[in-house]
Each structure stands twice: as C-alpha cells, then as structure tokens.
C-alpha cells in the first residue's frame, strides 16, 4: 500500500488546520457575519445546514505552536466533559425524582418504568464512554508518534462529547423538562 511518510502527513494536516482556521476567521469577519444575515442557502451566517445549530468558533484557532494546540484542545475537552457530566447527573436526578414520586404514590408500573430508564441511561453512558475512547484512540493512531496525535485525539474527544450532550438533551428534555 502506498502511504505518505509521516512527515508529509503531518505537513498536510497542519496545512489543513491552518486553512480551516483562516476560513473560520474569514467567515467571522465577513460583512454581515454574526448579524443574522442569510446565505444563498437560507442559512444564517455561522449555522450548520445539517443541524441548523450555530457553530462555535474554534477557541484554539489563533494558537501557533503544536504544544499550545495540544494544551488548548485538551482544555476544551475537559470543559465539554464537565458539561456532559453535569447534564448526565441532571438526567439521573430527574429520573430518580420520578421514581421516588411513583413509589410514594404506589404506582408500581411508573416506578418500574423509571427504574428501567435509570438503568438504561447508566448502561448507555457506560457503553458510550467505551465507544468514545475507542473511536478517538483509533483516530489518533493514524498519527502514532507524531506531535499532532494528542491534538487529533482531543479534537475527537471534544466533538464526540458535544454530540453526546445533544443526544442526552434530545432524549431527556421532553415535555418541557430542562436538564440545565
């Protein structure tokens, strides 16, 4: 199999990172950006067409050294992981409150549903953590031994964690229930 040497892959990756930072910077400084103007596709500036959600600016875009990139993206992951843990605990508290309420009213069926929901959320979260770790380790292995590997792994961890936050909100913020 004909593969690029690691030095060439790192060069290409760094060029892509720099280019994406310039694109993000150019979008945020474009006339009308951030003012709710619509693009040709009808999307507001800064919105992702697939989800319609506003894309967050890259907090690490202005960094120039690989070591600082690695630190910045590791900190971003820690923030998102804290957000996820807060939301997960909030979902458990809501479900536990529903279980307690059902038990106080002797509503055995409702108590059974709430208990199953708690067990399922815990099982799903444990399985998701395994998935996240394997997925991001695999993403980083492409750059094994390279200085960009921690950056790739931390970007993956952050992105996958952001998606999990949205999954929990979509599943448990129902009927006017808010977890935050």
N, C-alpha and C. Protein backbone atom coordinates (compact mmCIF):
# COMPACT_ATOMS: atom_id res chain seq x y z
N UNK A 1 0.84 -1.17 0.00
CA UNK A 1 0.00 0.00 0.00
C UNK A 1 0.89 1.24 0.00
N UNK A 2 0.59 2.17 -0.86
CA UNK A 2 1.39 3.38 -1.00
C UNK A 2 0.87 4.44 -0.03
N UNK A 3 1.61 4.70 1.05
CA UNK A 3 1.20 5.69 2.04
C UNK A 3 2.22 6.80 2.09
N UNK A 4 1.75 7.97 2.43
CA UNK A 4 2.64 9.11 2.60
C UNK A 4 3.48 8.92 3.85
N UNK A 5 4.75 9.32 3.80
CA UNK A 5 5.55 9.28 5.03
C UNK A 5 4.92 10.19 6.08
N UNK A 6 5.19 9.90 7.33
CA UNK A 6 4.57 10.64 8.43
C UNK A 6 4.84 12.13 8.35
N UNK A 7 6.03 12.52 7.92
CA UNK A 7 6.35 13.96 7.80
C UNK A 7 5.42 14.63 6.80
N UNK A 8 5.13 13.96 5.69
CA UNK A 8 4.23 14.53 4.70
C UNK A 8 2.80 14.59 5.22
N UNK A 9 2.37 13.55 5.95
CA UNK A 9 1.02 13.57 6.52
C UNK A 9 0.87 14.69 7.54
N UNK A 10 1.91 14.90 8.35
CA UNK A 10 1.86 15.99 9.33
C UNK A 10 1.81 17.34 8.65
N UNK A 11 2.57 17.50 7.58
CA UNK A 11 2.57 18.76 6.84
C UNK A 11 1.19 19.02 6.26
N UNK A 12 0.60 18.01 5.64
CA UNK A 12 -0.73 18.16 5.05
C UNK A 12 -1.75 18.48 6.14
N UNK A 13 -1.66 17.80 7.27
CA UNK A 13 -2.59 18.04 8.37
C UNK A 13 -2.46 19.46 8.90
N UNK A 14 -1.24 19.91 9.09
CA UNK A 14 -1.03 21.28 9.59
C UNK A 14 -1.57 22.31 8.59
N UNK A 15 -1.36 22.08 7.30
CA UNK A 15 -1.89 22.98 6.29
C UNK A 15 -3.41 23.02 6.35
N UNK A 16 -4.04 21.85 6.53
CA UNK A 16 -5.49 21.81 6.64
C UNK A 16 -5.98 22.55 7.88
N UNK A 17 -5.28 22.37 8.99
CA UNK A 17 -5.65 23.09 10.21
C UNK A 17 -5.54 24.60 10.03
N UNK A 18 -4.45 25.03 9.43
CA UNK A 18 -4.26 26.46 9.20
C UNK A 18 -5.32 27.00 8.26
N UNK A 19 -5.61 26.24 7.18
CA UNK A 19 -6.61 26.67 6.23
C UNK A 19 -7.98 26.77 6.89
N UNK A 20 -8.33 25.76 7.70
CA UNK A 20 -9.64 25.80 8.35
C UNK A 20 -9.73 26.96 9.33
N UNK A 21 -8.63 27.29 10.00
CA UNK A 21 -8.63 28.44 10.90
C UNK A 21 -8.83 29.73 10.12
N UNK A 22 -8.22 29.83 8.95
CA UNK A 22 -8.40 31.02 8.12
C UNK A 22 -9.83 31.12 7.61
N UNK A 23 -10.42 29.99 7.24
CA UNK A 23 -11.80 30.00 6.77
C UNK A 23 -12.73 30.45 7.87
N UNK A 24 -12.55 29.90 9.08
CA UNK A 24 -13.38 30.30 10.22
C UNK A 24 -13.19 31.78 10.52
N UNK A 25 -11.95 32.23 10.50
CA UNK A 25 -11.67 33.64 10.77
C UNK A 25 -12.28 34.51 9.68
N UNK A 26 -12.19 34.08 8.45
CA UNK A 26 -12.76 34.85 7.34
C UNK A 26 -14.26 34.91 7.42
N UNK A 27 -14.92 33.82 7.86
CA UNK A 27 -16.37 33.83 8.00
C UNK A 27 -16.82 34.77 9.10
N UNK A 28 -16.06 34.79 10.19
CA UNK A 28 -16.48 35.63 11.30
C UNK A 28 -16.21 37.11 11.04
N UNK A 29 -15.30 37.43 10.11
CA UNK A 29 -15.05 38.84 9.81
C UNK A 29 -15.72 39.28 8.52
N UNK A 30 -16.47 38.38 7.88
CA UNK A 30 -17.16 38.73 6.64
C UNK A 30 -18.27 39.71 6.95
N UNK A 31 -18.58 40.61 5.99
CA UNK A 31 -19.67 41.55 6.21
C UNK A 31 -20.97 40.82 6.50
N UNK A 32 -21.64 41.22 7.54
CA UNK A 32 -22.91 40.61 7.90
C UNK A 32 -22.77 39.38 8.78
N UNK A 33 -21.55 38.89 8.97
CA UNK A 33 -21.37 37.71 9.80
C UNK A 33 -21.74 38.03 11.23
N UNK A 34 -22.43 37.09 11.85
CA UNK A 34 -22.82 37.28 13.25
C UNK A 34 -23.99 38.23 13.41
N UNK A 35 -24.54 38.75 12.28
CA UNK A 35 -25.65 39.69 12.38
C UNK A 35 -26.96 39.04 11.94
N UNK A 36 -26.92 37.71 11.76
CA UNK A 36 -28.14 37.02 11.41
C UNK A 36 -28.45 37.10 9.92
N UNK A 37 -27.51 37.50 9.08
CA UNK A 37 -27.77 37.58 7.66
C UNK A 37 -27.88 36.18 7.07
N UNK A 38 -28.70 36.03 6.05
CA UNK A 38 -28.91 34.74 5.43
C UNK A 38 -27.97 34.56 4.25
N UNK A 39 -27.50 33.33 4.08
CA UNK A 39 -26.65 32.99 2.94
C UNK A 39 -27.54 32.60 1.77
N UNK A 40 -26.90 32.21 0.66
CA UNK A 40 -27.65 31.78 -0.52
C UNK A 40 -28.52 30.57 -0.23
N UNK A 41 -28.15 29.75 0.75
CA UNK A 41 -28.91 28.55 1.07
C UNK A 41 -30.02 28.82 2.08
N UNK A 42 -30.16 30.04 2.53
CA UNK A 42 -31.19 30.38 3.50
C UNK A 42 -30.74 30.17 4.93
N UNK A 43 -29.51 29.75 5.14
CA UNK A 43 -28.98 29.55 6.49
C UNK A 43 -28.42 30.86 7.01
N UNK A 44 -28.56 31.08 8.30
CA UNK A 44 -27.93 32.24 8.91
C UNK A 44 -26.43 32.03 8.94
N UNK A 45 -25.68 33.11 8.90
CA UNK A 45 -24.22 33.02 8.96
C UNK A 45 -23.82 32.28 10.22
N UNK A 46 -22.90 31.32 10.07
CA UNK A 46 -22.41 30.56 11.22
C UNK A 46 -23.26 29.36 11.57
N UNK A 47 -24.32 29.08 10.78
CA UNK A 47 -25.15 27.93 11.08
C UNK A 47 -24.74 26.75 10.24
N UNK A 48 -24.86 25.58 10.82
CA UNK A 48 -24.59 24.34 10.13
C UNK A 48 -25.87 23.90 9.43
N UNK A 49 -25.83 23.66 8.12
CA UNK A 49 -27.05 23.30 7.43
C UNK A 49 -27.63 21.97 7.87
N UNK A 50 -26.80 21.01 8.32
CA UNK A 50 -27.32 19.71 8.68
C UNK A 50 -28.07 19.71 10.00
N UNK A 51 -27.74 20.56 10.93
CA UNK A 51 -28.44 20.59 12.21
C UNK A 51 -29.12 21.94 12.47
N UNK A 52 -28.74 22.96 11.73
CA UNK A 52 -29.30 24.28 11.94
C UNK A 52 -28.79 24.95 13.20
N UNK A 53 -27.78 24.37 13.84
CA UNK A 53 -27.23 24.93 15.06
C UNK A 53 -26.07 25.87 14.73
N UNK A 54 -25.90 26.85 15.55
CA UNK A 54 -24.80 27.79 15.35
C UNK A 54 -23.49 27.09 15.68
N UNK A 55 -22.53 27.18 14.77
CA UNK A 55 -21.23 26.57 15.01
C UNK A 55 -20.43 27.45 15.96
N UNK A 56 -19.75 26.80 16.90
CA UNK A 56 -18.92 27.54 17.83
C UNK A 56 -17.62 27.91 17.14
N UNK A 57 -17.12 29.10 17.41
CA UNK A 57 -15.79 29.43 16.86
C UNK A 57 -14.74 28.56 17.54
N UNK A 58 -13.67 28.29 16.83
CA UNK A 58 -12.58 27.47 17.37
C UNK A 58 -11.78 28.31 18.35
N UNK A 59 -11.82 27.98 19.64
CA UNK A 59 -11.10 28.77 20.64
C UNK A 59 -9.58 28.64 20.53
N UNK A 60 -9.13 27.66 19.76
CA UNK A 60 -7.69 27.41 19.64
C UNK A 60 -7.14 27.89 18.30
N UNK A 61 -7.96 28.57 17.50
CA UNK A 61 -7.57 28.92 16.13
C UNK A 61 -6.37 29.86 16.07
N UNK A 62 -6.19 30.73 17.03
CA UNK A 62 -5.12 31.72 16.97
C UNK A 62 -3.78 31.19 17.49
N UNK A 63 -3.76 29.98 17.97
CA UNK A 63 -2.53 29.41 18.54
C UNK A 63 -1.56 29.03 17.43
N UNK A 64 -0.28 29.16 17.70
CA UNK A 64 0.71 28.93 16.65
C UNK A 64 1.66 27.76 16.90
N UNK A 65 1.75 27.26 18.12
CA UNK A 65 2.68 26.14 18.38
C UNK A 65 1.90 24.86 18.65
N UNK A 66 2.47 23.74 18.27
CA UNK A 66 1.81 22.45 18.46
C UNK A 66 1.58 22.17 19.94
N UNK A 67 2.54 22.49 20.77
CA UNK A 67 2.38 22.25 22.21
C UNK A 67 1.19 23.03 22.76
N UNK A 68 1.04 24.29 22.34
CA UNK A 68 -0.08 25.10 22.79
C UNK A 68 -1.41 24.59 22.22
N UNK A 69 -1.39 24.11 20.96
CA UNK A 69 -2.59 23.49 20.38
C UNK A 69 -3.02 22.31 21.25
N UNK A 70 -2.07 21.45 21.58
CA UNK A 70 -2.38 20.27 22.37
C UNK A 70 -2.98 20.64 23.72
N UNK A 71 -2.41 21.64 24.37
CA UNK A 71 -2.92 22.09 25.66
C UNK A 71 -4.32 22.67 25.51
N UNK A 72 -4.51 23.51 24.51
CA UNK A 72 -5.80 24.16 24.29
C UNK A 72 -6.90 23.14 24.03
N UNK A 73 -6.65 22.19 23.13
CA UNK A 73 -7.68 21.21 22.81
C UNK A 73 -7.93 20.25 23.97
N UNK A 74 -6.92 19.98 24.78
CA UNK A 74 -7.13 19.16 25.98
C UNK A 74 -8.05 19.91 26.96
N UNK A 75 -7.85 21.21 27.09
CA UNK A 75 -8.71 22.01 27.97
C UNK A 75 -10.14 22.09 27.44
N UNK A 76 -10.29 22.17 26.12
CA UNK A 76 -11.62 22.19 25.52
C UNK A 76 -12.36 20.90 25.80
N UNK A 77 -11.64 19.78 25.69
CA UNK A 77 -12.28 18.50 26.01
C UNK A 77 -12.70 18.46 27.47
N UNK A 78 -11.84 18.92 28.37
CA UNK A 78 -12.18 18.91 29.80
C UNK A 78 -13.46 19.71 30.06
N UNK A 79 -13.61 20.86 29.39
CA UNK A 79 -14.81 21.68 29.56
C UNK A 79 -16.06 20.93 29.09
N UNK A 80 -15.97 20.33 27.90
CA UNK A 80 -17.12 19.61 27.37
C UNK A 80 -17.43 18.38 28.22
N UNK A 81 -16.40 17.72 28.73
CA UNK A 81 -16.62 16.55 29.58
C UNK A 81 -17.32 16.96 30.87
N UNK A 82 -16.95 18.11 31.43
CA UNK A 82 -17.63 18.61 32.63
C UNK A 82 -19.09 18.94 32.32
N UNK A 83 -19.34 19.54 31.15
CA UNK A 83 -20.71 19.85 30.73
C UNK A 83 -21.53 18.57 30.60
N UNK A 84 -20.94 17.55 29.99
CA UNK A 84 -21.63 16.28 29.83
C UNK A 84 -21.92 15.65 31.19
N UNK A 85 -20.95 15.63 32.07
CA UNK A 85 -21.16 15.03 33.39
C UNK A 85 -22.26 15.74 34.16
N UNK A 86 -22.30 17.06 34.05
CA UNK A 86 -23.36 17.84 34.71
C UNK A 86 -24.73 17.45 34.14
N UNK A 87 -24.82 17.37 32.83
CA UNK A 87 -26.09 17.04 32.18
C UNK A 87 -26.51 15.60 32.50
N UNK A 88 -25.57 14.69 32.48
CA UNK A 88 -25.85 13.28 32.80
C UNK A 88 -26.38 13.16 34.23
N UNK A 89 -25.71 13.82 35.16
CA UNK A 89 -26.18 13.78 36.56
C UNK A 89 -27.57 14.40 36.69
N UNK A 90 -27.80 15.48 35.94
CA UNK A 90 -29.12 16.13 35.98
C UNK A 90 -30.20 15.18 35.46
N UNK A 91 -29.90 14.44 34.40
CA UNK A 91 -30.87 13.48 33.86
C UNK A 91 -31.15 12.38 34.89
N UNK A 92 -30.10 11.90 35.55
CA UNK A 92 -30.30 10.88 36.58
C UNK A 92 -31.15 11.41 37.73
N UNK A 93 -30.91 12.63 38.15
CA UNK A 93 -31.68 13.22 39.26
C UNK A 93 -33.15 13.32 38.88
N UNK A 94 -33.43 13.75 37.65
CA UNK A 94 -34.82 13.85 37.20
C UNK A 94 -35.47 12.47 37.22
N UNK A 95 -34.78 11.48 36.69
CA UNK A 95 -35.35 10.13 36.66
C UNK A 95 -35.52 9.55 38.06
N UNK A 96 -34.55 9.81 38.94
CA UNK A 96 -34.67 9.33 40.32
C UNK A 96 -35.83 10.01 41.05
N UNK A 97 -36.04 11.30 40.75
CA UNK A 97 -37.18 12.02 41.34
C UNK A 97 -38.49 11.39 40.85
N UNK A 98 -38.57 11.05 39.58
CA UNK A 98 -39.77 10.41 39.04
C UNK A 98 -39.98 9.04 39.70
N UNK A 99 -38.90 8.31 39.94
CA UNK A 99 -39.00 7.01 40.62
C UNK A 99 -39.53 7.19 42.04
N UNK A 100 -38.95 8.13 42.78
CA UNK A 100 -39.40 8.39 44.15
C UNK A 100 -40.86 8.81 44.18
N UNK A 101 -41.24 9.66 43.26
CA UNK A 101 -42.63 10.13 43.19
C UNK A 101 -43.57 8.95 42.92
N UNK A 102 -43.19 8.08 41.99
CA UNK A 102 -44.02 6.92 41.67
C UNK A 102 -44.12 5.97 42.87
N UNK A 103 -43.02 5.79 43.58
CA UNK A 103 -43.04 4.92 44.76
C UNK A 103 -43.93 5.50 45.86
N UNK A 104 -43.89 6.82 46.04
CA UNK A 104 -44.74 7.46 47.06
C UNK A 104 -46.22 7.29 46.73
N UNK A 105 -46.54 7.28 45.46
CA UNK A 105 -47.94 7.13 45.03
C UNK A 105 -48.31 5.65 44.84
N UNK A 106 -47.38 4.75 45.13
CA UNK A 106 -47.58 3.31 44.94
C UNK A 106 -47.95 2.97 43.50
N UNK A 107 -47.41 3.72 42.57
CA UNK A 107 -47.63 3.48 41.14
C UNK A 107 -46.53 2.55 40.65
N UNK A 108 -46.78 1.24 40.81
CA UNK A 108 -45.75 0.24 40.53
C UNK A 108 -45.29 0.26 39.07
N UNK A 109 -46.21 0.42 38.14
CA UNK A 109 -45.82 0.45 36.73
C UNK A 109 -44.90 1.64 36.44
N UNK A 110 -45.31 2.81 36.93
CA UNK A 110 -44.49 4.00 36.71
C UNK A 110 -43.13 3.86 37.37
N UNK A 111 -43.10 3.28 38.56
CA UNK A 111 -41.83 3.06 39.26
C UNK A 111 -40.95 2.11 38.46
N UNK A 112 -41.55 1.09 37.89
CA UNK A 112 -40.79 0.15 37.06
C UNK A 112 -40.21 0.83 35.83
N UNK A 113 -41.01 1.69 35.19
CA UNK A 113 -40.53 2.42 34.01
C UNK A 113 -39.37 3.35 34.38
N UNK A 114 -39.52 4.06 35.49
CA UNK A 114 -38.47 4.99 35.92
C UNK A 114 -37.20 4.23 36.29
N UNK A 115 -37.36 3.11 36.98
CA UNK A 115 -36.20 2.32 37.36
C UNK A 115 -35.48 1.79 36.12
N UNK A 116 -36.24 1.31 35.14
CA UNK A 116 -35.64 0.84 33.88
C UNK A 116 -34.94 1.98 33.14
N UNK A 117 -35.54 3.16 33.17
CA UNK A 117 -34.94 4.32 32.50
C UNK A 117 -33.60 4.68 33.13
N UNK A 118 -33.54 4.60 34.45
CA UNK A 118 -32.29 4.88 35.16
C UNK A 118 -31.23 3.85 34.78
N UNK A 119 -31.60 2.58 34.84
CA UNK A 119 -30.65 1.52 34.48
C UNK A 119 -30.18 1.65 33.03
N UNK A 120 -31.12 1.95 32.14
CA UNK A 120 -30.77 2.08 30.72
C UNK A 120 -29.85 3.27 30.47
N UNK A 121 -30.12 4.39 31.14
CA UNK A 121 -29.25 5.56 30.96
C UNK A 121 -27.83 5.25 31.45
N UNK A 122 -27.73 4.60 32.61
CA UNK A 122 -26.42 4.24 33.14
C UNK A 122 -25.69 3.28 32.20
N UNK A 123 -26.39 2.29 31.68
CA UNK A 123 -25.78 1.33 30.75
C UNK A 123 -25.36 2.01 29.45
N UNK A 124 -26.24 2.87 28.94
CA UNK A 124 -25.93 3.57 27.69
C UNK A 124 -24.71 4.47 27.87
N UNK A 125 -24.63 5.14 29.00
CA UNK A 125 -23.50 6.04 29.24
C UNK A 125 -22.19 5.25 29.35
N UNK A 126 -22.23 4.12 30.04
CA UNK A 126 -21.03 3.29 30.17
C UNK A 126 -20.58 2.78 28.79
N UNK A 127 -21.53 2.36 27.97
CA UNK A 127 -21.20 1.89 26.63
C UNK A 127 -20.68 3.05 25.77
N UNK A 128 -21.27 4.22 25.93
CA UNK A 128 -20.83 5.38 25.16
C UNK A 128 -19.39 5.76 25.52
N UNK A 129 -19.04 5.71 26.79
CA UNK A 129 -17.67 6.04 27.21
C UNK A 129 -16.68 5.09 26.54
N UNK A 130 -17.01 3.81 26.48
CA UNK A 130 -16.14 2.84 25.79
C UNK A 130 -16.03 3.19 24.31
N UNK A 131 -17.16 3.50 23.68
CA UNK A 131 -17.16 3.88 22.27
C UNK A 131 -16.29 5.11 22.04
N UNK A 132 -16.50 6.14 22.87
CA UNK A 132 -15.74 7.39 22.73
C UNK A 132 -14.24 7.13 22.79
N UNK A 133 -13.84 6.39 23.79
CA UNK A 133 -12.41 6.13 23.97
C UNK A 133 -11.82 5.34 22.81
N UNK A 134 -12.54 4.31 22.34
CA UNK A 134 -12.05 3.51 21.21
C UNK A 134 -12.02 4.32 19.92
N UNK A 135 -13.09 5.07 19.67
CA UNK A 135 -13.18 5.88 18.45
C UNK A 135 -12.04 6.89 18.37
N UNK A 136 -11.80 7.58 19.45
CA UNK A 136 -10.79 8.64 19.43
C UNK A 136 -9.37 8.08 19.48
N UNK A 137 -9.20 6.95 20.14
CA UNK A 137 -7.89 6.30 20.10
C UNK A 137 -7.58 5.86 18.67
N UNK A 138 -8.58 5.33 17.97
CA UNK A 138 -8.39 4.92 16.57
C UNK A 138 -8.08 6.12 15.69
N UNK A 139 -8.76 7.24 15.92
CA UNK A 139 -8.48 8.45 15.14
C UNK A 139 -7.05 8.91 15.35
N UNK A 140 -6.57 8.83 16.58
CA UNK A 140 -5.21 9.27 16.89
C UNK A 140 -4.14 8.32 16.41
N UNK A 141 -4.47 7.05 16.24
CA UNK A 141 -3.45 6.08 15.84
C UNK A 141 -2.93 6.35 14.43
N UNK A 142 -3.67 7.06 13.64
CA UNK A 142 -3.18 7.41 12.31
C UNK A 142 -1.92 8.27 12.39
N UNK A 143 -1.75 8.91 13.54
CA UNK A 143 -0.63 9.83 13.74
C UNK A 143 0.28 9.37 14.87
N UNK A 144 0.28 8.06 15.11
CA UNK A 144 1.07 7.47 16.19
C UNK A 144 2.51 7.99 16.16
N UNK A 145 2.95 8.53 17.28
CA UNK A 145 4.31 9.03 17.39
C UNK A 145 4.49 10.45 16.92
N UNK A 146 3.49 11.02 16.30
CA UNK A 146 3.60 12.40 15.81
C UNK A 146 3.14 13.40 16.84
N UNK A 147 3.61 14.62 16.72
CA UNK A 147 3.24 15.64 17.70
C UNK A 147 1.78 16.06 17.56
N UNK A 148 1.15 15.73 16.44
CA UNK A 148 -0.24 16.10 16.23
C UNK A 148 -1.21 15.09 16.83
N UNK A 149 -0.73 13.92 17.23
CA UNK A 149 -1.61 12.88 17.74
C UNK A 149 -2.47 13.36 18.91
N UNK A 150 -1.91 14.02 19.94
CA UNK A 150 -2.77 14.46 21.05
C UNK A 150 -3.85 15.46 20.58
N UNK A 151 -3.52 16.30 19.64
CA UNK A 151 -4.49 17.26 19.12
C UNK A 151 -5.64 16.52 18.46
N UNK A 152 -5.34 15.55 17.62
CA UNK A 152 -6.37 14.78 16.92
C UNK A 152 -7.26 14.05 17.92
N UNK A 153 -6.64 13.42 18.91
CA UNK A 153 -7.40 12.69 19.92
C UNK A 153 -8.30 13.64 20.70
N UNK A 154 -7.77 14.77 21.13
CA UNK A 154 -8.57 15.71 21.93
C UNK A 154 -9.67 16.36 21.12
N UNK A 155 -9.42 16.65 19.85
CA UNK A 155 -10.49 17.19 19.00
C UNK A 155 -11.60 16.15 18.85
N UNK A 156 -11.23 14.90 18.66
CA UNK A 156 -12.20 13.82 18.55
C UNK A 156 -13.00 13.70 19.85
N UNK A 157 -12.32 13.68 20.98
CA UNK A 157 -12.99 13.57 22.27
C UNK A 157 -13.99 14.70 22.47
N UNK A 158 -13.59 15.90 22.09
CA UNK A 158 -14.47 17.06 22.23
C UNK A 158 -15.70 16.94 21.35
N UNK A 159 -15.48 16.61 20.09
CA UNK A 159 -16.59 16.50 19.14
C UNK A 159 -17.57 15.40 19.54
N UNK A 160 -17.06 14.24 19.88
CA UNK A 160 -17.92 13.12 20.26
C UNK A 160 -18.69 13.47 21.55
N UNK A 161 -18.04 14.16 22.46
CA UNK A 161 -18.70 14.56 23.71
C UNK A 161 -19.79 15.59 23.44
N UNK A 162 -19.52 16.55 22.55
CA UNK A 162 -20.56 17.53 22.18
C UNK A 162 -21.78 16.81 21.60
N UNK A 163 -21.54 15.80 20.76
CA UNK A 163 -22.65 15.05 20.19
C UNK A 163 -23.43 14.30 21.27
N UNK A 164 -22.73 13.75 22.24
CA UNK A 164 -23.42 13.03 23.33
C UNK A 164 -24.28 13.99 24.15
N UNK A 165 -23.79 15.19 24.37
CA UNK A 165 -24.58 16.20 25.09
C UNK A 165 -25.90 16.44 24.35
N UNK A 166 -25.83 16.59 23.05
CA UNK A 166 -27.05 16.81 22.25
C UNK A 166 -27.97 15.59 22.31
N UNK A 167 -27.39 14.39 22.28
CA UNK A 167 -28.20 13.17 22.37
C UNK A 167 -28.97 13.11 23.68
N UNK A 168 -28.30 13.42 24.77
CA UNK A 168 -28.97 13.38 26.08
C UNK A 168 -30.06 14.43 26.14
N UNK A 169 -29.79 15.62 25.64
CA UNK A 169 -30.82 16.66 25.64
C UNK A 169 -32.03 16.24 24.82
N UNK A 170 -31.78 15.69 23.64
CA UNK A 170 -32.89 15.28 22.77
C UNK A 170 -33.70 14.15 23.39
N UNK A 171 -33.06 13.26 24.12
CA UNK A 171 -33.76 12.12 24.71
C UNK A 171 -34.48 12.47 26.01
N UNK A 172 -33.93 13.38 26.81
CA UNK A 172 -34.45 13.58 28.16
C UNK A 172 -35.08 14.95 28.40
N UNK A 173 -34.87 15.89 27.52
CA UNK A 173 -35.55 17.18 27.67
C UNK A 173 -36.85 17.12 26.87
N UNK A 174 -37.82 16.43 27.44
CA UNK A 174 -39.10 16.25 26.78
C UNK A 174 -40.21 16.78 27.68
N UNK A 175 -41.31 17.14 27.07
CA UNK A 175 -42.47 17.61 27.84
C UNK A 175 -42.16 18.84 28.67
N UNK A 176 -41.32 19.72 28.17
CA UNK A 176 -40.97 20.93 28.89
C UNK A 176 -39.90 20.74 29.94
N UNK A 177 -39.37 19.53 30.08
CA UNK A 177 -38.32 19.24 31.06
C UNK A 177 -37.00 19.83 30.58
N UNK A 178 -36.30 20.54 31.46
CA UNK A 178 -34.97 21.07 31.18
C UNK A 178 -33.98 20.45 32.15
N UNK A 179 -32.83 20.09 31.61
CA UNK A 179 -31.82 19.45 32.46
C UNK A 179 -30.75 20.43 32.95
N UNK A 180 -30.68 21.58 32.34
CA UNK A 180 -29.63 22.53 32.73
C UNK A 180 -30.14 23.56 33.69
